[in-house]
PDB file of N, CA and C in Angstrom:
ATOM      1  N   MET A   1      -9.134   2.425  -4.443  1.00  0.00           N
ATOM      2  CA  MET A   1      -9.774   3.672  -4.057  1.00  0.00           C
ATOM      3  C   MET A   1     -10.703   3.397  -2.872  1.00  0.00           C
ATOM      4  N   SER A   2     -10.605   4.193  -1.821  1.00  0.00           N
ATOM      5  CA  SER A   2     -11.423   3.957  -0.634  1.00  0.00           C
ATOM      6  C   SER A   2     -12.845   4.470  -0.841  1.00  0.00           C
ATOM      7  N   ASP A   3     -13.737   4.036   0.055  1.00  0.00           N
ATOM      8  CA  ASP A   3     -15.136   4.469  -0.033  1.00  0.00           C
ATOM      9  C   ASP A   3     -15.268   5.983   0.065  1.00  0.00           C
ATOM     10  N   THR A   4     -14.476   6.606   0.952  1.00  0.00           N
ATOM     11  CA  THR A   4     -14.611   8.053   1.131  1.00  0.00           C
ATOM     12  C   THR A   4     -14.119   8.814  -0.083  1.00  0.00           C
ATOM     13  N   SER A   5     -13.125   8.274  -0.801  1.00  0.00           N
ATOM     14  CA  SER A   5     -12.653   9.006  -1.977  1.00  0.00           C
ATOM     15  C   SER A   5     -13.669   8.914  -3.104  1.00  0.00           C
ATOM     16  N   ARG A   6     -14.515   7.875  -3.101  1.00  0.00           N
ATOM     17  CA  ARG A   6     -15.578   7.773  -4.104  1.00  0.00           C
ATOM     18  C   ARG A   6     -16.806   8.569  -3.672  1.00  0.00           C
ATOM     19  N   ARG A   7     -17.014   8.640  -2.379  1.00  0.00           N
ATOM     20  CA  ARG A   7     -18.212   9.293  -1.867  1.00  0.00           C
ATOM     21  C   ARG A   7     -18.115  10.814  -1.909  1.00  0.00           C
ATOM     22  N   TYR A   8     -16.910  11.337  -1.715  1.00  0.00           N
ATOM     23  CA  TYR A   8     -16.724  12.779  -1.667  1.00  0.00           C
ATOM     24  C   TYR A   8     -15.828  13.226  -2.817  1.00  0.00           C
ATOM     25  N   PRO A   9     -16.252  14.233  -3.560  1.00  0.00           N
ATOM     26  CA  PRO A   9     -15.413  14.723  -4.669  1.00  0.00           C
ATOM     27  C   PRO A   9     -14.081  15.276  -4.156  1.00  0.00           C
ATOM     28  N   GLN A  10     -13.058  15.159  -4.971  1.00  0.00           N
ATOM     29  CA  GLN A  10     -11.719  15.638  -4.613  1.00  0.00           C
ATOM     30  C   GLN A  10     -11.761  17.116  -4.225  1.00  0.00           C
ATOM     31  N   GLU A  11     -12.543  17.902  -4.949  1.00  0.00           N
ATOM     32  CA  GLU A  11     -12.641  19.344  -4.659  1.00  0.00           C
ATOM     33  C   GLU A  11     -13.159  19.598  -3.243  1.00  0.00           C
ATOM     34  N   LEU A  12     -14.165  18.824  -2.822  1.00  0.00           N
ATOM     35  CA  LEU A  12     -14.710  18.984  -1.470  1.00  0.00           C
ATOM     36  C   LEU A  12     -13.657  18.607  -0.432  1.00  0.00           C
ATOM     37  N   ARG A  13     -12.957  17.504  -0.667  1.00  0.00           N
ATOM     38  CA  ARG A  13     -11.914  17.080   0.282  1.00  0.00           C
ATOM     39  C   ARG A  13     -10.840  18.157   0.419  1.00  0.00           C
ATOM     40  N   GLU A  14     -10.369  18.676  -0.721  1.00  0.00           N
ATOM     41  CA  GLU A  14      -9.328  19.697  -0.684  1.00  0.00           C
ATOM     42  C   GLU A  14      -9.807  20.963   0.026  1.00  0.00           C
ATOM     43  N   ARG A  15     -11.043  21.341  -0.246  1.00  0.00           N
ATOM     44  CA  ARG A  15     -11.580  22.562   0.376  1.00  0.00           C
ATOM     45  C   ARG A  15     -11.739  22.388   1.886  1.00  0.00           C
ATOM     46  N   ALA A  16     -12.225  21.233   2.323  1.00  0.00           N
ATOM     47  CA  ALA A  16     -12.396  20.977   3.758  1.00  0.00           C
ATOM     48  C   ALA A  16     -11.042  20.979   4.470  1.00  0.00           C
ATOM     49  N   VAL A  17     -10.051  20.348   3.869  1.00  0.00           N
ATOM     50  CA  VAL A  17      -8.708  20.318   4.461  1.00  0.00           C
ATOM     51  C   VAL A  17      -8.135  21.729   4.522  1.00  0.00           C
ATOM     52  N   ARG A  18      -8.288  22.476   3.453  1.00  0.00           N
ATOM     53  CA  ARG A  18      -7.796  23.858   3.426  1.00  0.00           C
ATOM     54  C   ARG A  18      -8.464  24.693   4.530  1.00  0.00           C
ATOM     55  N   MET A  19      -9.760  24.475   4.714  1.00  0.00           N
ATOM     56  CA  MET A  19     -10.486  25.205   5.766  1.00  0.00           C
ATOM     57  C   MET A  19      -9.917  24.876   7.151  1.00  0.00           C
ATOM     58  N   VAL A  20      -9.591  23.607   7.383  1.00  0.00           N
ATOM     59  CA  VAL A  20      -8.996  23.227   8.677  1.00  0.00           C
ATOM     60  C   VAL A  20      -7.679  23.966   8.863  1.00  0.00           C
ATOM     61  N   PHE A  21      -6.820  23.943   7.843  1.00  0.00           N
ATOM     62  CA  PHE A  21      -5.521  24.608   7.957  1.00  0.00           C
ATOM     63  C   PHE A  21      -5.674  26.112   8.172  1.00  0.00           C
ATOM     64  N   GLU A  22      -6.609  26.716   7.459  1.00  0.00           N
ATOM     65  CA  GLU A  22      -6.775  28.167   7.531  1.00  0.00           C
ATOM     66  C   GLU A  22      -7.447  28.635   8.825  1.00  0.00           C
ATOM     67  N   HIS A  23      -8.275  27.783   9.436  1.00  0.00           N
ATOM     68  CA  HIS A  23      -9.069  28.241  10.582  1.00  0.00           C
ATOM     69  C   HIS A  23      -8.760  27.524  11.894  1.00  0.00           C
ATOM     70  N   GLN A  24      -7.789  26.616  11.906  1.00  0.00           N
ATOM     71  CA  GLN A  24      -7.530  25.876  13.144  1.00  0.00           C
ATOM     72  C   GLN A  24      -7.082  26.785  14.287  1.00  0.00           C
ATOM     73  N   HIS A  25      -6.468  27.917  13.960  1.00  0.00           N
ATOM     74  CA  HIS A  25      -6.024  28.848  15.010  1.00  0.00           C
ATOM     75  C   HIS A  25      -7.211  29.488  15.738  1.00  0.00           C
ATOM     76  N   GLU A  26      -8.397  29.424  15.155  1.00  0.00           N
ATOM     77  CA  GLU A  26      -9.594  30.010  15.769  1.00  0.00           C
ATOM     78  C   GLU A  26     -10.233  29.058  16.780  1.00  0.00           C
ATOM     79  N   TYR A  27      -9.712  27.847  16.890  1.00  0.00           N
ATOM     80  CA  TYR A  27     -10.282  26.827  17.772  1.00  0.00           C
ATOM     81  C   TYR A  27      -9.264  26.445  18.839  1.00  0.00           C
ATOM     82  N   ALA A  28      -9.746  25.786  19.874  1.00  0.00           N
ATOM     83  CA  ALA A  28      -8.879  25.367  20.976  1.00  0.00           C
ATOM     84  C   ALA A  28      -7.859  24.327  20.519  1.00  0.00           C
ATOM     85  N   SER A  29      -8.207  23.562  19.511  1.00  0.00           N
ATOM     86  CA  SER A  29      -7.300  22.533  18.995  1.00  0.00           C
ATOM     87  C   SER A  29      -7.639  22.261  17.533  1.00  0.00           C
ATOM     88  N   GLN A  30      -6.740  21.572  16.870  1.00  0.00           N
ATOM     89  CA  GLN A  30      -7.013  21.183  15.486  1.00  0.00           C
ATOM     90  C   GLN A  30      -8.225  20.253  15.440  1.00  0.00           C
ATOM     91  N   TRP A  31      -8.328  19.357  16.419  1.00  0.00           N
ATOM     92  CA  TRP A  31      -9.455  18.428  16.464  1.00  0.00           C
ATOM     93  C   TRP A  31     -10.784  19.189  16.561  1.00  0.00           C
ATOM     94  N   ALA A  32     -10.827  20.256  17.353  1.00  0.00           N
ATOM     95  CA  ALA A  32     -12.048  21.064  17.473  1.00  0.00           C
ATOM     96  C   ALA A  32     -12.395  21.692  16.120  1.00  0.00           C
ATOM     97  N   ALA A  33     -11.389  22.159  15.406  1.00  0.00           N
ATOM     98  CA  ALA A  33     -11.621  22.719  14.071  1.00  0.00           C
ATOM     99  C   ALA A  33     -12.138  21.639  13.126  1.00  0.00           C
ATOM    100  N   ILE A  34     -11.554  20.446  13.195  1.00  0.00           N
ATOM    101  CA  ILE A  34     -11.980  19.334  12.342  1.00  0.00           C
ATOM    102  C   ILE A  34     -13.438  18.983  12.605  1.00  0.00           C
ATOM    103  N   ILE A  35     -13.826  18.903  13.863  1.00  0.00           N
ATOM    104  CA  ILE A  35     -15.217  18.566  14.212  1.00  0.00           C
ATOM    105  C   ILE A  35     -16.165  19.603  13.621  1.00  0.00           C
ATOM    106  N   SER A  36     -15.846  20.876  13.826  1.00  0.00           N
ATOM    107  CA  SER A  36     -16.713  21.947  13.347  1.00  0.00           C
ATOM    108  C   SER A  36     -16.821  21.945  11.822  1.00  0.00           C
ATOM    109  N   ILE A  37     -15.693  21.824  11.155  1.00  0.00           N
ATOM    110  CA  ILE A  37     -15.688  21.886   9.686  1.00  0.00           C
ATOM    111  C   ILE A  37     -16.324  20.632   9.092  1.00  0.00           C
ATOM    112  N   ALA A  38     -16.112  19.489   9.720  1.00  0.00           N
ATOM    113  CA  ALA A  38     -16.731  18.250   9.230  1.00  0.00           C
ATOM    114  C   ALA A  38     -18.253  18.364   9.261  1.00  0.00           C
ATOM    115  N   GLU A  39     -18.785  18.992  10.299  1.00  0.00           N
ATOM    116  CA  GLU A  39     -20.240  19.184  10.383  1.00  0.00           C
ATOM    117  C   GLU A  39     -20.753  20.036   9.222  1.00  0.00           C
ATOM    118  N   LYS A  40     -19.967  20.981   8.789  1.00  0.00           N
ATOM    119  CA  LYS A  40     -20.376  21.877   7.689  1.00  0.00           C
ATOM    120  C   LYS A  40     -20.255  21.217   6.315  1.00  0.00           C
ATOM    121  N   PHE A  41     -19.239  20.355   6.146  1.00  0.00           N
ATOM    122  CA  PHE A  41     -18.967  19.762   4.839  1.00  0.00           C
ATOM    123  C   PHE A  41     -19.592  18.388   4.630  1.00  0.00           C
ATOM    124  N   GLY A  42     -19.925  17.672   5.711  1.00  0.00           N
ATOM    125  CA  GLY A  42     -20.605  16.398   5.554  1.00  0.00           C
ATOM    126  C   GLY A  42     -19.871  15.135   5.945  1.00  0.00           C
ATOM    127  N   PRO A  43     -18.550  15.043   5.767  1.00  0.00           N
ATOM    128  CA  PRO A  43     -17.893  13.790   6.156  1.00  0.00           C
ATOM    129  C   PRO A  43     -17.815  13.683   7.676  1.00  0.00           C
ATOM    130  N   SER A  44     -17.545  12.483   8.163  1.00  0.00           N
ATOM    131  CA  SER A  44     -17.384  12.329   9.613  1.00  0.00           C
ATOM    132  C   SER A  44     -16.105  13.059  10.038  1.00  0.00           C
ATOM    133  N   SER A  45     -16.016  13.352  11.316  1.00  0.00           N
ATOM    134  CA  SER A  45     -14.825  14.024  11.841  1.00  0.00           C
ATOM    135  C   SER A  45     -13.589  13.171  11.612  1.00  0.00           C
ATOM    136  N   GLU A  46     -13.729  11.855  11.774  1.00  0.00           N
ATOM    137  CA  GLU A  46     -12.591  10.953  11.586  1.00  0.00           C
ATOM    138  C   GLU A  46     -12.137  10.938  10.128  1.00  0.00           C
ATOM    139  N   THR A  47     -13.080  10.969   9.202  1.00  0.00           N
ATOM    140  CA  THR A  47     -12.735  11.012   7.779  1.00  0.00           C
ATOM    141  C   THR A  47     -11.965  12.287   7.466  1.00  0.00           C
ATOM    142  N   LEU A  48     -12.442  13.412   7.950  1.00  0.00           N
ATOM    143  CA  LEU A  48     -11.748  14.678   7.710  1.00  0.00           C
ATOM    144  C   LEU A  48     -10.379  14.672   8.385  1.00  0.00           C
ATOM    145  N   ARG A  49     -10.291  14.103   9.575  1.00  0.00           N
ATOM    146  CA  ARG A  49      -8.995  14.023  10.260  1.00  0.00           C
ATOM    147  C   ARG A  49      -8.002  13.236   9.407  1.00  0.00           C
ATOM    148  N   ASN A  50      -8.466  12.127   8.817  1.00  0.00           N
ATOM    149  CA  ASN A  50      -7.591  11.333   7.942  1.00  0.00           C
ATOM    150  C   ASN A  50      -7.137  12.141   6.730  1.00  0.00           C
ATOM    151  N   TRP A  51      -8.040  12.907   6.139  1.00  0.00           N
ATOM    152  CA  TRP A  51      -7.676  13.759   4.995  1.00  0.00           C
ATOM    153  C   TRP A  51      -6.624  14.784   5.411  1.00  0.00           C
ATOM    154  N   VAL A  52      -6.821  15.378   6.591  1.00  0.00           N
ATOM    155  CA  VAL A  52      -5.889  16.393   7.092  1.00  0.00           C
ATOM    156  C   VAL A  52      -4.517  15.768   7.331  1.00  0.00           C
ATOM    157  N   ARG A  53      -4.479  14.586   7.967  1.00  0.00           N
ATOM    158  CA  ARG A  53      -3.197  13.913   8.219  1.00  0.00           C
ATOM    159  C   ARG A  53      -2.482  13.602   6.904  1.00  0.00           C
ATOM    160  N   ARG A  54      -3.216  13.106   5.915  1.00  0.00           N
ATOM    161  CA  ARG A  54      -2.632  12.770   4.609  1.00  0.00           C
ATOM    162  C   ARG A  54      -2.067  14.034   3.969  1.00  0.00           C
ATOM    163  N   ALA A  55      -2.823  15.141   4.040  1.00  0.00           N
ATOM    164  CA  ALA A  55      -2.360  16.406   3.460  1.00  0.00           C
ATOM    165  C   ALA A  55      -1.112  16.907   4.193  1.00  0.00           C
ATOM    166  N   GLU A  56      -1.077  16.752   5.511  1.00  0.00           N
ATOM    167  CA  GLU A  56       0.100  17.182   6.281  1.00  0.00           C
ATOM    168  C   GLU A  56       1.342  16.395   5.851  1.00  0.00           C
ATOM    169  N   VAL A  57       1.194  15.100   5.638  1.00  0.00           N
ATOM    170  CA  VAL A  57       2.321  14.276   5.184  1.00  0.00           C
ATOM    171  C   VAL A  57       2.732  14.697   3.776  1.00  0.00           C
ATOM    172  N   ASP A  58       1.745  14.845   2.892  1.00  0.00           N
ATOM    173  CA  ASP A  58       2.040  15.211   1.502  1.00  0.00           C
ATOM    174  C   ASP A  58       2.740  16.557   1.398  1.00  0.00           C
ATOM    175  N   GLU A  59       2.413  17.475   2.298  1.00  0.00           N
ATOM    176  CA  GLU A  59       3.006  18.817   2.272  1.00  0.00           C
ATOM    177  C   GLU A  59       4.279  18.920   3.108  1.00  0.00           C
ATOM    178  N   GLY A  60       4.679  17.825   3.751  1.00  0.00           N
ATOM    179  CA  GLY A  60       5.895  17.834   4.551  1.00  0.00           C
ATOM    180  C   GLY A  60       5.724  18.403   5.944  1.00  0.00           C
ATOM    181  N   ARG A  61       4.498  18.630   6.366  1.00  0.00           N
ATOM    182  CA  ARG A  61       4.237  19.165   7.710  1.00  0.00           C
ATOM    183  C   ARG A  61       4.326  18.070   8.773  1.00  0.00           C
ATOM    184  N   ARG A  62       4.184  16.811   8.341  1.00  0.00           N
ATOM    185  CA  ARG A  62       4.166  15.680   9.258  1.00  0.00           C
ATOM    186  C   ARG A  62       4.994  14.565   8.623  1.00  0.00           C
ATOM    187  N   ALA A  63       5.702  13.809   9.453  1.00  0.00           N
ATOM    188  CA  ALA A  63       6.507  12.692   8.948  1.00  0.00           C
ATOM    189  C   ALA A  63       5.589  11.578   8.446  1.00  0.00           C
ATOM    190  N   GLY A  64       6.057  10.869   7.447  1.00  0.00           N
ATOM    191  CA  GLY A  64       5.295   9.742   6.919  1.00  0.00           C
ATOM    192  C   GLY A  64       5.536   9.585   5.430  1.00  0.00           C
ATOM    193  N   VAL A  65       4.872   8.579   4.871  1.00  0.00           N
ATOM    194  CA  VAL A  65       5.006   8.277   3.445  1.00  0.00           C
ATOM    195  C   VAL A  65       3.946   9.064   2.688  1.00  0.00           C
ATOM    196  N   SER A  66       4.388   9.883   1.747  1.00  0.00           N
ATOM    197  CA  SER A  66       3.455  10.725   0.994  1.00  0.00           C
ATOM    198  C   SER A  66       2.605   9.874   0.057  1.00  0.00           C
ATOM    199  N   THR A  67       1.545  10.456  -0.442  1.00  0.00           N
ATOM    200  CA  THR A  67       0.658   9.764  -1.378  1.00  0.00           C
ATOM    201  C   THR A  67       1.419   9.333  -2.621  1.00  0.00           C
ATOM    202  N   ASP A  68       2.281  10.207  -3.155  1.00  0.00           N
ATOM    203  CA  ASP A  68       3.077   9.859  -4.339  1.00  0.00           C
ATOM    204  C   ASP A  68       4.013   8.688  -4.043  1.00  0.00           C
ATOM    205  N   GLU A  69       4.669   8.738  -2.876  1.00  0.00           N
ATOM    206  CA  GLU A  69       5.570   7.649  -2.503  1.00  0.00           C
ATOM    207  C   GLU A  69       4.798   6.346  -2.313  1.00  0.00           C
ATOM    208  N   ARG A  70       3.622   6.434  -1.715  1.00  0.00           N
ATOM    209  CA  ARG A  70       2.792   5.242  -1.485  1.00  0.00           C
ATOM    210  C   ARG A  70       2.369   4.628  -2.818  1.00  0.00           C
ATOM    211  N   GLU A  71       1.987   5.460  -3.777  1.00  0.00           N
ATOM    212  CA  GLU A  71       1.608   4.963  -5.104  1.00  0.00           C
ATOM    213  C   GLU A  71       2.805   4.311  -5.797  1.00  0.00           C
ATOM    214  N   ARG A  72       3.971   4.931  -5.685  1.00  0.00           N
ATOM    215  CA  ARG A  72       5.179   4.370  -6.298  1.00  0.00           C
ATOM    216  C   ARG A  72       5.522   3.026  -5.659  1.00  0.00           C
ATOM    217  N   LEU A  73       5.385   2.946  -4.345  1.00  0.00           N
ATOM    218  CA  LEU A  73       5.655   1.700  -3.639  1.00  0.00           C
ATOM    219  C   LEU A  73       4.708   0.593  -4.106  1.00  0.00           C
ATOM    220  N   LYS A  74       3.423   0.909  -4.245  1.00  0.00           N
ATOM    221  CA  LYS A  74       2.454  -0.076  -4.743  1.00  0.00           C
ATOM    222  C   LYS A  74       2.830  -0.543  -6.142  1.00  0.00           C
ATOM    223  N   GLU A  75       3.243   0.406  -6.972  1.00  0.00           N
ATOM    224  CA  GLU A  75       3.643   0.086  -8.343  1.00  0.00           C
ATOM    225  C   GLU A  75       4.855  -0.851  -8.348  1.00  0.00           C
ATOM    226  N   LEU A  76       5.843  -0.554  -7.507  1.00  0.00           N
ATOM    227  CA  LEU A  76       7.036  -1.392  -7.434  1.00  0.00           C
ATOM    228  C   LEU A  76       6.722  -2.782  -6.887  1.00  0.00           C
ATOM    229  N   GLU A  77       5.832  -2.853  -5.900  1.00  0.00           N
ATOM    230  CA  GLU A  77       5.433  -4.151  -5.353  1.00  0.00           C
ATOM    231  C   GLU A  77       4.710  -4.983  -6.408  1.00  0.00           C
ATOM    232  N   ARG A  78       3.858  -4.353  -7.187  1.00  0.00           N
ATOM    233  CA  ARG A  78       3.141  -5.046  -8.262  1.00  0.00           C
ATOM    234  C   ARG A  78       4.137  -5.557  -9.306  1.00  0.00           C
ATOM    235  N   GLU A  79       5.088  -4.702  -9.685  1.00  0.00           N
ATOM    236  CA  GLU A  79       6.102  -5.098 -10.654  1.00  0.00           C
ATOM    237  C   GLU A  79       6.945  -6.258 -10.120  1.00  0.00           C
ATOM    238  N   ASN A  80       7.276  -6.194  -8.833  1.00  0.00           N
ATOM    239  CA  ASN A  80       8.057  -7.256  -8.198  1.00  0.00           C
ATOM    240  C   ASN A  80       7.298  -8.588  -8.249  1.00  0.00           C
ATOM    241  N   ARG A  81       5.991  -8.568  -7.947  1.00  0.00           N
ATOM    242  CA  ARG A  81       5.174  -9.792  -8.022  1.00  0.00           C
ATOM    243  C   ARG A  81       5.180 -10.355  -9.439  1.00  0.00           C
ATOM    244  N   GLU A  82       5.020  -9.495 -10.432  1.00  0.00           N
ATOM    245  CA  GLU A  82       5.005  -9.938 -11.834  1.00  0.00           C
ATOM    246  C   GLU A  82       6.348 -10.545 -12.226  1.00  0.00           C
ATOM    247  N   LEU A  83       7.435  -9.935 -11.787  1.00  0.00           N
ATOM    248  CA  LEU A  83       8.766 -10.460 -12.115  1.00  0.00           C
ATOM    249  C   LEU A  83       9.020 -11.809 -11.437  1.00  0.00           C
ATOM    250  N   ARG A  84       8.560 -11.943 -10.193  1.00  0.00           N
ATOM    251  CA  ARG A  84       8.698 -13.232  -9.500  1.00  0.00           C
ATOM    252  C   ARG A  84       7.905 -14.317 -10.225  1.00  0.00           C
ATOM    253  N   ARG A  85       6.700 -13.978 -10.652  1.00  0.00           N
ATOM    254  CA  ARG A  85       5.855 -14.931 -11.379  1.00  0.00           C
ATOM    255  C   ARG A  85       6.534 -15.324 -12.699  1.00  0.00           C
ATOM    256  N   ALA A  86       7.071 -14.347 -13.421  1.00  0.00           N
ATOM    257  CA  ALA A  86       7.762 -14.632 -14.677  1.00  0.00           C
ATOM    258  C   ALA A  86       9.000 -15.487 -14.433  1.00  0.00           C
ATOM    259  N   ASN A  87       9.706 -15.216 -13.352  1.00  0.00           N
ATOM    260  CA  ASN A  87      10.893 -15.996 -13.010  1.00  0.00           C
ATOM    261  C   ASN A  87      10.524 -17.454 -12.735  1.00  0.00           C
ATOM    262  N   GLU A  88       9.429 -17.695 -12.025  1.00  0.00           N
ATOM    263  CA  GLU A  88       8.975 -19.065 -11.753  1.00  0.00           C
ATOM    264  C   GLU A  88       8.612 -19.778 -13.053  1.00  0.00           C
ATOM    265  N   ILE A  89       7.976 -19.081 -13.955  1.00  0.00           N
ATOM    266  CA  ILE A  89       7.620 -19.678 -15.254  1.00  0.00           C
ATOM    267  C   ILE A  89       8.886 -20.046 -16.014  1.00  0.00           C
ATOM    268  N   LEU A  90       9.870 -19.159 -16.016  1.00  0.00           N
ATOM    269  CA  LEU A  90      11.129 -19.433 -16.715  1.00  0.00           C
ATOM    270  C   LEU A  90      11.871 -20.610 -16.078  1.00  0.00           C
ATOM    271  N   LYS A  91      11.843 -20.693 -14.758  1.00  0.00           N
ATOM    272  CA  LYS A  91      12.489 -21.831 -14.085  1.00  0.00           C
ATOM    273  C   LYS A  91      11.822 -23.139 -14.495  1.00  0.00           C
ATOM    274  N   SER A  92      10.491 -23.144 -14.508  1.00  0.00           N
ATOM    275  CA  SER A  92       9.759 -24.353 -14.900  1.00  0.00           C
ATOM    276  C   SER A  92      10.072 -24.733 -16.347  1.00  0.00           C
ATOM    277  N   ALA A  93      10.089 -23.765 -17.232  1.00  0.00           N
ATOM    278  CA  ALA A  93      10.380 -24.029 -18.644  1.00  0.00           C
ATOM    279  C   ALA A  93      11.803 -24.544 -18.807  1.00  0.00           C
ATOM    280  N   SER A  94      12.733 -23.962 -18.072  1.00  0.00           N
ATOM    281  CA  SER A  94      14.123 -24.390 -18.136  1.00  0.00           C
ATOM    282  C   SER A  94      14.265 -25.840 -17.695  1.00  0.00           C
ATOM    283  N   LEU A  95      13.608 -26.188 -16.594  1.00  0.00           N
ATOM    284  CA  LEU A  95      13.631 -27.558 -16.092  1.00  0.00           C
ATOM    285  C   LEU A  95      13.010 -28.514 -17.110  1.00  0.00           C
ATOM    286  N   PHE A  96      11.913 -28.114 -17.707  1.00  0.00           N
ATOM    287  CA  PHE A  96      11.237 -28.945 -18.708  1.00  0.00           C
ATOM    288  C   PHE A  96      12.169 -29.223 -19.882  1.00  0.00           C
ATOM    289  N   PHE A  97      12.766 -28.166 -20.426  1.00  0.00           N
ATOM    290  CA  PHE A  97      13.639 -28.353 -21.588  1.00  0.00           C
ATOM    291  C   PHE A  97      14.910 -29.108 -21.228  1.00  0.00           C
ATOM    292  N   ALA A  98      15.429 -28.925 -20.028  1.00  0.00           N
ATOM    293  CA  ALA A  98      16.632 -29.651 -19.609  1.00  0.00           C
ATOM    294  C   ALA A  98      16.352 -31.146 -19.549  1.00  0.00           C
ATOM    295  N   THR A  99      15.205 -31.547 -19.035  1.00  0.00           N
ATOM    296  CA  THR A  99      14.872 -32.976 -18.977  1.00  0.00           C
ATOM    297  C   THR A  99      14.587 -33.519 -20.365  1.00  0.00           C
ATOM    298  N   GLU A 100      14.007 -32.712 -21.230  1.00  0.00           N
ATOM    299  CA  GLU A 100      13.753 -33.154 -22.605  1.00  0.00           C
ATOM    300  C   GLU A 100      15.072 -33.397 -23.336  1.00  0.00           C
ATOM    301  N   LEU A 101      16.034 -32.518 -23.124  1.00  0.00           N
ATOM    302  CA  LEU A 101      17.346 -32.666 -23.783  1.00  0.00           C
ATOM    303  C   LEU A 101      18.106 -33.878 -23.256  1.00  0.00           C
ATOM    304  N   ASP A 102      17.884 -34.222 -21.987  1.00  0.00           N
ATOM    305  CA  ASP A 102      18.532 -35.388 -21.395  1.00  0.00           C
ATOM    306  C   ASP A 102      17.887 -36.680 -21.865  1.00  0.00           C
ATOM    307  N   GLY A 103      16.787 -36.601 -22.571  1.00  0.00           N
ATOM    308  CA  GLY A 103      16.084 -37.783 -23.033  1.00  0.00           C
ATOM    309  C   GLY A 103      15.165 -38.388 -21.998  1.00  0.00           C
ATOM    310  N   ARG A 104      15.037 -37.736 -20.871  1.00  0.00           N
ATOM    311  CA  ARG A 104      14.135 -38.229 -19.835  1.00  0.00           C
ATOM    312  C   ARG A 104      12.840 -37.413 -19.892  1.00  0.00           C
ATOM    313  N   THR A 105      11.762 -38.002 -19.520  1.00  0.00           N
ATOM    314  CA  THR A 105      10.500 -37.267 -19.472  1.00  0.00           C
ATOM    315  C   THR A 105      10.057 -37.158 -18.027  1.00  0.00           C
ATOM    316  N   ARG A 106       9.462 -36.072 -17.736  1.00  0.00           N
ATOM    317  CA  ARG A 106       8.936 -35.844 -16.373  1.00  0.00           C
ATOM    318  C   ARG A 106       7.501 -36.311 -16.328  1.00  0.00           C
ATOM    319  N   ARG A 107       7.186 -37.115 -15.365  1.00  0.00           N
ATOM    320  CA  ARG A 107       5.802 -37.580 -15.194  1.00  0.00           C
ATOM    321  C   ARG A 107       5.392 -37.509 -13.764  1.00  0.00           C
TER     322      ARG A 107
END
């Protein structure tokens, strides 16, 4: 969890992003809307811009990996690491028992 997700409640983040989407047409650019709304809600303009970009990806407005996909990818990577670790343990155990059965000891 990033510092900004702990510092700002989810409700505030969602409301600020929604405000950008709803009012960006009133500004010269989306960035101008982000600056104005960030001043009202408290996070830095860059933090709000990141929230807006993430929301655009999650809603399919912008290309990229969605939050759900990113979480699934992290989960799969973690599972892959655990399986590799288990595989190494099994290889070591197999080698140990194979040498024991041969009557040789590993030292």
